[in-house]
Amino acid sequence: FPFGAVPAAIKRAEAEAAAAAGADELDVVPDF
């Protein structure tokens, strides 16, 4: 967030960190 302009591996790592911290859902900005 908010632009999605990061490498896919970094985006995946952020999602993994959010999940590990307890997130129930993920709102993801794609690669525009």
Full PDB file with SEQRES, HELIX, SHEET, SSBOND, CRYST1, ORIGX, SCALE, CONECT and MASTER records, all heavy atoms in Angstrom:
SEQRES   1 A   32  PHE PRO PHE GLY ALA VAL PRO ALA ALA ILE LYS ARG ALA          
SEQRES   2 A   32  GLU ALA GLU ALA ALA ALA ALA ALA GLY ALA ASP GLU LEU          
SEQRES   3 A   32  ASP VAL VAL PRO ASP PHE                                      
HELIX    1 AA1 ALA A    8  ALA A   21  1                                  14    
CRYST1    1.000    1.000    1.000  90.00  90.00  90.00 P 1           1          
ORIGX1      1.000000  0.000000  0.000000        0.00000                         
ORIGX2      0.000000  1.000000  0.000000        0.00000                         
ORIGX3      0.000000  0.000000  1.000000        0.00000                         
SCALE1      1.000000  0.000000  0.000000        0.00000                         
SCALE2      0.000000  1.000000  0.000000        0.00000                         
SCALE3      0.000000  0.000000  1.000000        0.00000                         
ATOM      1  N   PHE A   1       0.835  -1.208   0.000  1.00  0.00           N  
ATOM      2  CA  PHE A   1       0.000   0.000   0.000  1.00  0.00           C  
ATOM      3  C   PHE A   1       0.864   1.250   0.000  1.00  0.00           C  
ATOM      4  O   PHE A   1       1.868   1.310   0.708  1.00  0.00           O  
ATOM      5  CB  PHE A   1      -0.878  -0.029   1.259  1.00  0.00           C  
ATOM      6  CG  PHE A   1      -1.974   0.976   1.294  1.00  0.00           C  
ATOM      7  CD1 PHE A   1      -3.184   0.728   0.660  1.00  0.00           C  
ATOM      8  CD2 PHE A   1      -1.822   2.170   1.982  1.00  0.00           C  
ATOM      9  CE1 PHE A   1      -4.213   1.654   0.712  1.00  0.00           C  
ATOM     10  CE2 PHE A   1      -2.836   3.102   2.035  1.00  0.00           C  
ATOM     11  CZ  PHE A   1      -4.038   2.838   1.388  1.00  0.00           C  
ATOM     12  N   PRO A   2       0.475   2.314  -0.744  1.00  0.00           N  
ATOM     13  CA  PRO A   2      -0.741   2.417  -1.570  1.00  0.00           C  
ATOM     14  C   PRO A   2      -0.534   2.178  -3.062  1.00  0.00           C  
ATOM     15  O   PRO A   2      -1.493   2.165  -3.812  1.00  0.00           O  
ATOM     16  CB  PRO A   2      -1.154   3.871  -1.342  1.00  0.00           C  
ATOM     17  CG  PRO A   2       0.155   4.597  -1.217  1.00  0.00           C  
ATOM     18  CD  PRO A   2       1.097   3.646  -0.528  1.00  0.00           C  
ATOM     19  N   PHE A   3       0.722   1.976  -3.519  1.00  0.00           N  
ATOM     20  CA  PHE A   3       0.975   1.966  -4.969  1.00  0.00           C  
ATOM     21  C   PHE A   3       1.270   0.583  -5.560  1.00  0.00           C  
ATOM     22  O   PHE A   3       1.198   0.409  -6.767  1.00  0.00           O  
ATOM     23  CB  PHE A   3       2.131   2.918  -5.296  1.00  0.00           C  
ATOM     24  CG  PHE A   3       1.919   4.324  -4.841  1.00  0.00           C  
ATOM     25  CD1 PHE A   3       2.803   4.933  -3.970  1.00  0.00           C  
ATOM     26  CD2 PHE A   3       0.800   5.039  -5.254  1.00  0.00           C  
ATOM     27  CE1 PHE A   3       2.600   6.231  -3.529  1.00  0.00           C  
ATOM     28  CE2 PHE A   3       0.584   6.344  -4.827  1.00  0.00           C  
ATOM     29  CZ  PHE A   3       1.493   6.939  -3.960  1.00  0.00           C  
ATOM     30  N   GLY A   4       1.647  -0.375  -4.742  1.00  0.00           N  
ATOM     31  CA  GLY A   4       1.943  -1.712  -5.239  1.00  0.00           C  
ATOM     32  C   GLY A   4       3.234  -1.824  -6.016  1.00  0.00           C  
ATOM     33  O   GLY A   4       3.518  -2.871  -6.604  1.00  0.00           O  
ATOM     34  N   ALA A   5       4.045  -0.758  -6.027  1.00  0.00           N  
ATOM     35  CA  ALA A   5       5.225  -0.705  -6.897  1.00  0.00           C  
ATOM     36  C   ALA A   5       6.475  -1.208  -6.186  1.00  0.00           C  
ATOM     37  O   ALA A   5       7.486  -0.508  -6.077  1.00  0.00           O  
ATOM     38  CB  ALA A   5       5.427   0.719  -7.402  1.00  0.00           C  
ATOM     39  N   VAL A   6       6.396  -2.439  -5.679  1.00  0.00           N  
ATOM     40  CA  VAL A   6       7.549  -3.094  -5.061  1.00  0.00           C  
ATOM     41  C   VAL A   6       7.673  -4.494  -5.659  1.00  0.00           C  
ATOM     42  O   VAL A   6       6.687  -5.041  -6.175  1.00  0.00           O  
ATOM     43  CB  VAL A   6       7.407  -3.178  -3.528  1.00  0.00           C  
ATOM     44  CG1 VAL A   6       7.365  -1.787  -2.915  1.00  0.00           C  
ATOM     45  CG2 VAL A   6       6.156  -3.961  -3.136  1.00  0.00           C  
ATOM     46  N   PRO A   7       8.871  -5.090  -5.625  1.00  0.00           N  
ATOM     47  CA  PRO A   7       9.020  -6.442  -6.170  1.00  0.00           C  
ATOM     48  C   PRO A   7       8.075  -7.433  -5.512  1.00  0.00           C  
ATOM     49  O   PRO A   7       7.744  -7.314  -4.323  1.00  0.00           O  
ATOM     50  CB  PRO A   7      10.488  -6.778  -5.869  1.00  0.00           C  
ATOM     51  CG  PRO A   7      11.171  -5.449  -5.810  1.00  0.00           C  
ATOM     52  CD  PRO A   7      10.164  -4.522  -5.192  1.00  0.00           C  
ATOM     53  N   ALA A   8       7.663  -8.434  -6.264  1.00  0.00           N  
ATOM     54  CA  ALA A   8       6.709  -9.418  -5.762  1.00  0.00           C  
ATOM     55  C   ALA A   8       7.219 -10.117  -4.509  1.00  0.00           C  
ATOM     56  O   ALA A   8       6.444 -10.422  -3.601  1.00  0.00           O  
ATOM     57  CB  ALA A   8       6.398 -10.441  -6.851  1.00  0.00           C  
ATOM     58  N   ALA A   9       8.515 -10.366  -4.433  1.00  0.00           N  
ATOM     59  CA  ALA A   9       9.060 -11.057  -3.266  1.00  0.00           C  
ATOM     60  C   ALA A   9       8.914 -10.210  -2.002  1.00  0.00           C  
ATOM     61  O   ALA A   9       8.655 -10.740  -0.912  1.00  0.00           O  
ATOM     62  CB  ALA A   9      10.536 -11.399  -3.505  1.00  0.00           C  
ATOM     63  N   ILE A  10       9.071  -8.899  -2.142  1.00  0.00           N  
ATOM     64  CA  ILE A  10       8.909  -8.009  -0.991  1.00  0.00           C  
ATOM     65  C   ILE A  10       7.443  -7.945  -0.582  1.00  0.00           C  
ATOM     66  O   ILE A  10       7.099  -7.945   0.606  1.00  0.00           O  
ATOM     67  CB  ILE A  10       9.461  -6.613  -1.324  1.00  0.00           C  
ATOM     68  CG1 ILE A  10      10.977  -6.693  -1.506  1.00  0.00           C  
ATOM     69  CG2 ILE A  10       9.104  -5.612  -0.228  1.00  0.00           C  
ATOM     70  CD1 ILE A  10      11.612  -5.405  -1.920  1.00  0.00           C  
ATOM     71  N   LYS A  11       6.561  -7.918  -1.559  1.00  0.00           N  
ATOM     72  CA  LYS A  11       5.131  -7.890  -1.256  1.00  0.00           C  
ATOM     73  C   LYS A  11       4.712  -9.179  -0.536  1.00  0.00           C  
ATOM     74  O   LYS A  11       3.956  -9.147   0.443  1.00  0.00           O  
ATOM     75  CB  LYS A  11       4.334  -7.708  -2.549  1.00  0.00           C  
ATOM     76  CG  LYS A  11       2.961  -7.101  -2.366  1.00  0.00           C  
ATOM     77  CD  LYS A  11       2.288  -6.851  -3.703  1.00  0.00           C  
ATOM     78  CE  LYS A  11       2.970  -5.723  -4.474  1.00  0.00           C  
ATOM     79  NZ  LYS A  11       2.266  -5.445  -5.748  1.00  0.00           N  
ATOM     80  N   ARG A  12       5.233 -10.300  -1.014  1.00  0.00           N  
ATOM     81  CA  ARG A  12       4.945 -11.581  -0.361  1.00  0.00           C  
ATOM     82  C   ARG A  12       5.486 -11.576   1.071  1.00  0.00           C  
ATOM     83  O   ARG A  12       4.816 -12.033   2.003  1.00  0.00           O  
ATOM     84  CB  ARG A  12       5.585 -12.708  -1.169  1.00  0.00           C  
ATOM     85  CG  ARG A  12       5.764 -14.029  -0.427  1.00  0.00           C  
ATOM     86  CD  ARG A  12       4.513 -14.850  -0.300  1.00  0.00           C  
ATOM     87  NE  ARG A  12       4.763 -16.045   0.495  1.00  0.00           N  
ATOM     88  CZ  ARG A  12       4.150 -17.212   0.329  1.00  0.00           C  
ATOM     89  NH1 ARG A  12       3.242 -17.345  -0.600  1.00  0.00           N  
ATOM     90  NH2 ARG A  12       4.433 -18.225   1.094  1.00  0.00           N  
ATOM     91  N   ALA A  13       6.688 -11.027   1.268  1.00  0.00           N  
ATOM     92  CA  ALA A  13       7.267 -10.976   2.613  1.00  0.00           C  
ATOM     93  C   ALA A  13       6.424 -10.110   3.541  1.00  0.00           C  
ATOM     94  O   ALA A  13       6.241 -10.443   4.718  1.00  0.00           O  
ATOM     95  CB  ALA A  13       8.702 -10.451   2.543  1.00  0.00           C  
ATOM     96  N   GLU A  14       5.913  -8.997   3.029  1.00  0.00           N  
ATOM     97  CA  GLU A  14       5.043  -8.156   3.850  1.00  0.00           C  
ATOM     98  C   GLU A  14       3.773  -8.906   4.223  1.00  0.00           C  
ATOM     99  O   GLU A  14       3.304  -8.837   5.371  1.00  0.00           O  
ATOM    100  CB  GLU A  14       4.693  -6.865   3.122  1.00  0.00           C  
ATOM    101  CG  GLU A  14       3.847  -5.930   3.978  1.00  0.00           C  
ATOM    102  CD  GLU A  14       3.410  -4.663   3.276  1.00  0.00           C  
ATOM    103  OE1 GLU A  14       3.564  -4.564   2.035  1.00  0.00           O  
ATOM    104  OE2 GLU A  14       2.901  -3.745   3.960  1.00  0.00           O  
ATOM    105  N   ALA A  15       3.211  -9.621   3.271  1.00  0.00           N  
ATOM    106  CA  ALA A  15       2.004 -10.398   3.545  1.00  0.00           C  
ATOM    107  C   ALA A  15       2.280 -11.480   4.581  1.00  0.00           C  
ATOM    108  O   ALA A  15       1.464 -11.706   5.489  1.00  0.00           O  
ATOM    109  CB  ALA A  15       1.487 -11.025   2.248  1.00  0.00           C  
ATOM    110  N   GLU A  16       3.423 -12.139   4.478  1.00  0.00           N  
ATOM    111  CA  GLU A  16       3.781 -13.168   5.454  1.00  0.00           C  
ATOM    112  C   GLU A  16       3.943 -12.563   6.852  1.00  0.00           C  
ATOM    113  O   GLU A  16       3.509 -13.148   7.848  1.00  0.00           O  
ATOM    114  CB  GLU A  16       5.073 -13.859   5.032  1.00  0.00           C  
ATOM    115  CG  GLU A  16       4.931 -14.755   3.817  1.00  0.00           C  
ATOM    116  CD  GLU A  16       6.261 -15.333   3.370  1.00  0.00           C  
ATOM    117  OE1 GLU A  16       7.322 -14.768   3.740  1.00  0.00           O  
ATOM    118  OE2 GLU A  16       6.245 -16.346   2.656  1.00  0.00           O  
ATOM    119  N   ALA A  17       4.569 -11.386   6.910  1.00  0.00           N  
ATOM    120  CA  ALA A  17       4.758 -10.724   8.204  1.00  0.00           C  
ATOM    121  C   ALA A  17       3.418 -10.326   8.811  1.00  0.00           C  
ATOM    122  O   ALA A  17       3.203 -10.475  10.024  1.00  0.00           O  
ATOM    123  CB  ALA A  17       5.648  -9.495   8.030  1.00  0.00           C  
ATOM    124  N   ALA A  18       2.507  -9.818   7.990  1.00  0.00           N  
ATOM    125  CA  ALA A  18       1.182  -9.444   8.484  1.00  0.00           C  
ATOM    126  C   ALA A  18       0.428 -10.671   8.986  1.00  0.00           C  
ATOM    127  O   ALA A  18      -0.226 -10.625  10.041  1.00  0.00           O  
ATOM    128  CB  ALA A  18       0.393  -8.744   7.383  1.00  0.00           C  
ATOM    129  N   ALA A  19       0.521 -11.763   8.238  1.00  0.00           N  
ATOM    130  CA  ALA A  19      -0.148 -12.991   8.661  1.00  0.00           C  
ATOM    131  C   ALA A  19       0.435 -13.498   9.978  1.00  0.00           C  
ATOM    132  O   ALA A  19      -0.299 -13.906  10.882  1.00  0.00           O  
ATOM    133  CB  ALA A  19      -0.023 -14.053   7.571  1.00  0.00           C  
ATOM    134  N   ALA A  20       1.758 -13.450  10.102  1.00  0.00           N  
ATOM    135  CA  ALA A  20       2.406 -13.915  11.328  1.00  0.00           C  
ATOM    136  C   ALA A  20       2.037 -13.048  12.523  1.00  0.00           C  
ATOM    137  O   ALA A  20       1.971 -13.539  13.665  1.00  0.00           O  
ATOM    138  CB  ALA A  20       3.921 -13.943  11.131  1.00  0.00           C  
ATOM    139  N   ALA A  21       1.798 -11.762  12.270  1.00  0.00           N  
ATOM    140  CA  ALA A  21       1.433 -10.838  13.354  1.00  0.00           C  
ATOM    141  C   ALA A  21      -0.034 -10.959  13.746  1.00  0.00           C  
ATOM    142  O   ALA A  21      -0.456 -10.360  14.730  1.00  0.00           O  
ATOM    143  CB  ALA A  21       1.744  -9.405  12.944  1.00  0.00           C  
ATOM    144  N   GLY A  22      -0.822 -11.696  12.956  1.00  0.00           N  
ATOM    145  CA  GLY A  22      -2.206 -11.949  13.341  1.00  0.00           C  
ATOM    146  C   GLY A  22      -3.279 -11.435  12.409  1.00  0.00           C  
ATOM    147  O   GLY A  22      -4.458 -11.454  12.761  1.00  0.00           O  
ATOM    148  N   ALA A  23      -2.907 -10.979  11.211  1.00  0.00           N  
ATOM    149  CA  ALA A  23      -3.933 -10.493  10.279  1.00  0.00           C  
ATOM    150  C   ALA A  23      -4.903 -11.614   9.905  1.00  0.00           C  
ATOM    151  O   ALA A  23      -4.504 -12.759   9.717  1.00  0.00           O  
ATOM    152  CB  ALA A  23      -3.280  -9.924   9.025  1.00  0.00           C  
ATOM    153  N   ASP A  24      -6.178 -11.253   9.791  1.00  0.00           N  
ATOM    154  CA  ASP A  24      -7.213 -12.198   9.342  1.00  0.00           C  
ATOM    155  C   ASP A  24      -7.451 -12.105   7.845  1.00  0.00           C  
ATOM    156  O   ASP A  24      -7.891 -13.080   7.219  1.00  0.00           O  
ATOM    157  CB  ASP A  24      -8.535 -11.916  10.059  1.00  0.00           C  
ATOM    158  CG  ASP A  24      -8.447 -12.117  11.560  1.00  0.00           C  
ATOM    159  OD1 ASP A  24      -7.993 -13.192  11.991  1.00  0.00           O  
ATOM    160  OD2 ASP A  24      -8.828 -11.185  12.302  1.00  0.00           O  
ATOM    161  N   GLU A  25      -7.224 -10.923   7.269  1.00  0.00           N  
ATOM    162  CA  GLU A  25      -7.451 -10.688   5.843  1.00  0.00           C  
ATOM    163  C   GLU A  25      -6.370  -9.747   5.329  1.00  0.00           C  
ATOM    164  O   GLU A  25      -5.757  -8.994   6.099  1.00  0.00           O  
ATOM    165  CB  GLU A  25      -8.833 -10.051   5.606  1.00  0.00           C  
ATOM    166  CG  GLU A  25     -10.000 -10.906   6.072  1.00  0.00           C  
ATOM    167  CD  GLU A  25     -11.347 -10.223   5.851  1.00  0.00           C  
ATOM    168  OE1 GLU A  25     -11.368  -9.078   5.330  1.00  0.00           O  
ATOM    169  OE2 GLU A  25     -12.373 -10.824   6.208  1.00  0.00           O  
ATOM    170  N   LEU A  26      -6.147  -9.782   4.009  1.00  0.00           N  
ATOM    171  CA  LEU A  26      -5.128  -8.947   3.377  1.00  0.00           C  
ATOM    172  C   LEU A  26      -5.741  -8.174   2.218  1.00  0.00           C  
ATOM    173  O   LEU A  26      -6.369  -8.765   1.330  1.00  0.00           O  
ATOM    174  CB  LEU A  26      -3.982  -9.821   2.849  1.00  0.00           C  
ATOM    175  CG  LEU A  26      -3.284 -10.718   3.871  1.00  0.00           C  
ATOM    176  CD1 LEU A  26      -2.320 -11.674   3.165  1.00  0.00           C  
ATOM    177  CD2 LEU A  26      -2.558  -9.892   4.917  1.00  0.00           C  
ATOM    178  N   ASP A  27      -5.560  -6.848   2.234  1.00  0.00           N  
ATOM    179  CA  ASP A  27      -5.995  -5.991   1.122  1.00  0.00           C  
ATOM    180  C   ASP A  27      -4.742  -5.611   0.333  1.00  0.00           C  
ATOM    181  O   ASP A  27      -3.893  -4.853   0.823  1.00  0.00           O  
ATOM    182  CB  ASP A  27      -6.687  -4.728   1.653  1.00  0.00           C  
ATOM    183  CG  ASP A  27      -8.097  -5.006   2.148  1.00  0.00           C  
ATOM    184  OD1 ASP A  27      -8.422  -6.187   2.392  1.00  0.00           O  
ATOM    185  OD2 ASP A  27      -8.861  -4.040   2.331  1.00  0.00           O  
ATOM    186  N   VAL A  28      -4.607  -6.130  -0.876  1.00  0.00           N  
ATOM    187  CA  VAL A  28      -3.339  -6.105  -1.608  1.00  0.00           C  
ATOM    188  C   VAL A  28      -3.413  -5.175  -2.820  1.00  0.00           C  
ATOM    189  O   VAL A  28      -4.355  -5.251  -3.617  1.00  0.00           O  
ATOM    190  CB  VAL A  28      -2.965  -7.532  -2.076  1.00  0.00           C  
ATOM    191  CG1 VAL A  28      -1.637  -7.517  -2.819  1.00  0.00           C  
ATOM    192  CG2 VAL A  28      -2.900  -8.482  -0.881  1.00  0.00           C  
ATOM    193  N   VAL A  29      -2.401  -4.332  -2.955  1.00  0.00           N  
ATOM    194  CA  VAL A  29      -2.267  -3.494  -4.149  1.00  0.00           C  
ATOM    195  C   VAL A  29      -1.457  -4.271  -5.176  1.00  0.00           C  
ATOM    196  O   VAL A  29      -0.334  -4.689  -4.896  1.00  0.00           O  
ATOM    197  CB  VAL A  29      -1.569  -2.160  -3.829  1.00  0.00           C  
ATOM    198  CG1 VAL A  29      -1.557  -1.272  -5.063  1.00  0.00           C  
ATOM    199  CG2 VAL A  29      -2.256  -1.451  -2.673  1.00  0.00           C  
ATOM    200  N   PRO A  30      -1.997  -4.488  -6.376  1.00  0.00           N  
ATOM    201  CA  PRO A  30      -1.294  -5.278  -7.383  1.00  0.00           C  
ATOM    202  C   PRO A  30      -0.211  -4.478  -8.100  1.00  0.00           C  
ATOM    203  O   PRO A  30      -0.019  -3.283  -7.843  1.00  0.00           O  
ATOM    204  CB  PRO A  30      -2.421  -5.671  -8.346  1.00  0.00           C  
ATOM    205  CG  PRO A  30      -3.365  -4.508  -8.280  1.00  0.00           C  
ATOM    206  CD  PRO A  30      -3.320  -4.034  -6.844  1.00  0.00           C  
ATOM    207  N   ASP A  31       0.468  -5.134  -9.020  1.00  0.00           N  
ATOM    208  CA  ASP A  31       1.526  -4.515  -9.826  1.00  0.00           C  
ATOM    209  C   ASP A  31       0.894  -3.770 -10.992  1.00  0.00           C  
ATOM    210  O   ASP A  31       0.665  -4.327 -12.065  1.00  0.00           O  
ATOM    211  CB  ASP A  31       2.486  -5.599 -10.328  1.00  0.00           C  
ATOM    212  CG  ASP A  31       3.685  -5.034 -11.069  1.00  0.00           C  
ATOM    213  OD1 ASP A  31       3.653  -3.856 -11.466  1.00  0.00           O  
ATOM    214  OD2 ASP A  31       4.652  -5.788 -11.273  1.00  0.00           O  
ATOM    215  N   PHE A  32       0.602  -2.490 -10.784  1.00  0.00           N  
ATOM    216  CA  PHE A  32      -0.053  -1.706 -11.837  1.00  0.00           C  
ATOM    217  C   PHE A  32       0.872  -1.476 -13.037  1.00  0.00           C  
ATOM    218  O   PHE A  32       0.398  -1.253 -14.147  1.00  0.00           O  
ATOM    219  CB  PHE A  32      -0.557  -0.377 -11.282  1.00  0.00           C  
ATOM    220  CG  PHE A  32      -1.749  -0.501 -10.385  1.00  0.00           C  
ATOM    221  CD1 PHE A  32      -1.663  -0.185  -9.039  1.00  0.00           C  
ATOM    222  CD2 PHE A  32      -2.963  -0.948 -10.875  1.00  0.00           C  
ATOM    223  CE1 PHE A  32      -2.759  -0.303  -8.206  1.00  0.00           C  
ATOM    224  CE2 PHE A  32      -4.070  -1.074 -10.061  1.00  0.00           C  
ATOM    225  CZ  PHE A  32      -3.965  -0.752  -8.710  1.00  0.00           C  
TER     226      PHE A  32                                                      
MASTER        0    0    0    1    0    0    0    6  225    1    0    3          
END                                                                             
